[in-house]
Amino acid sequence: MFFYHTRRTCILFYCIMQMVLFESN
């Protein structure tokens, strides 16, 4: 359960990072 939550958070963080990078360019 904890591992699944960590994975989900990681994916969400990755999504935000992609958006930030996209906005920068």
Protein backbone atom coordinates (compact mmCIF):
# COMPACT_ATOMS: atom_id res chain seq x y z
CA MET A 1 0.00 0.00 0.00
CA PHE A 2 2.76 2.40 0.94
CA PHE A 3 4.71 1.50 -2.19
CA TYR A 4 1.66 2.16 -4.36
CA HIS A 5 1.13 5.54 -2.72
CA THR A 6 4.80 6.43 -3.27
CA ARG A 7 4.56 5.45 -6.93
CA ARG A 8 1.45 7.55 -7.39
CA THR A 9 3.09 10.56 -5.76
CA CYS A 10 6.18 10.08 -7.91
CA ILE A 11 4.08 10.03 -11.09
CA LEU A 12 2.22 13.14 -9.95
CA PHE A 13 5.52 14.90 -9.20
CA TYR A 14 6.84 13.88 -12.62
CA CYS A 15 3.70 15.29 -14.23
CA ILE A 16 4.17 18.63 -12.46
CA MET A 17 7.84 18.74 -13.46
CA GLN A 18 6.90 18.13 -17.10
CA MET A 19 4.39 20.98 -16.95
CA VAL A 20 6.94 23.33 -15.38
CA LEU A 21 9.54 22.48 -18.00
CA PHE A 22 6.97 22.93 -20.75
CA GLU A 23 6.00 26.33 -19.35
CA SER A 24 9.68 27.36 -19.15
CA ASN A 25 10.22 26.60 -22.82
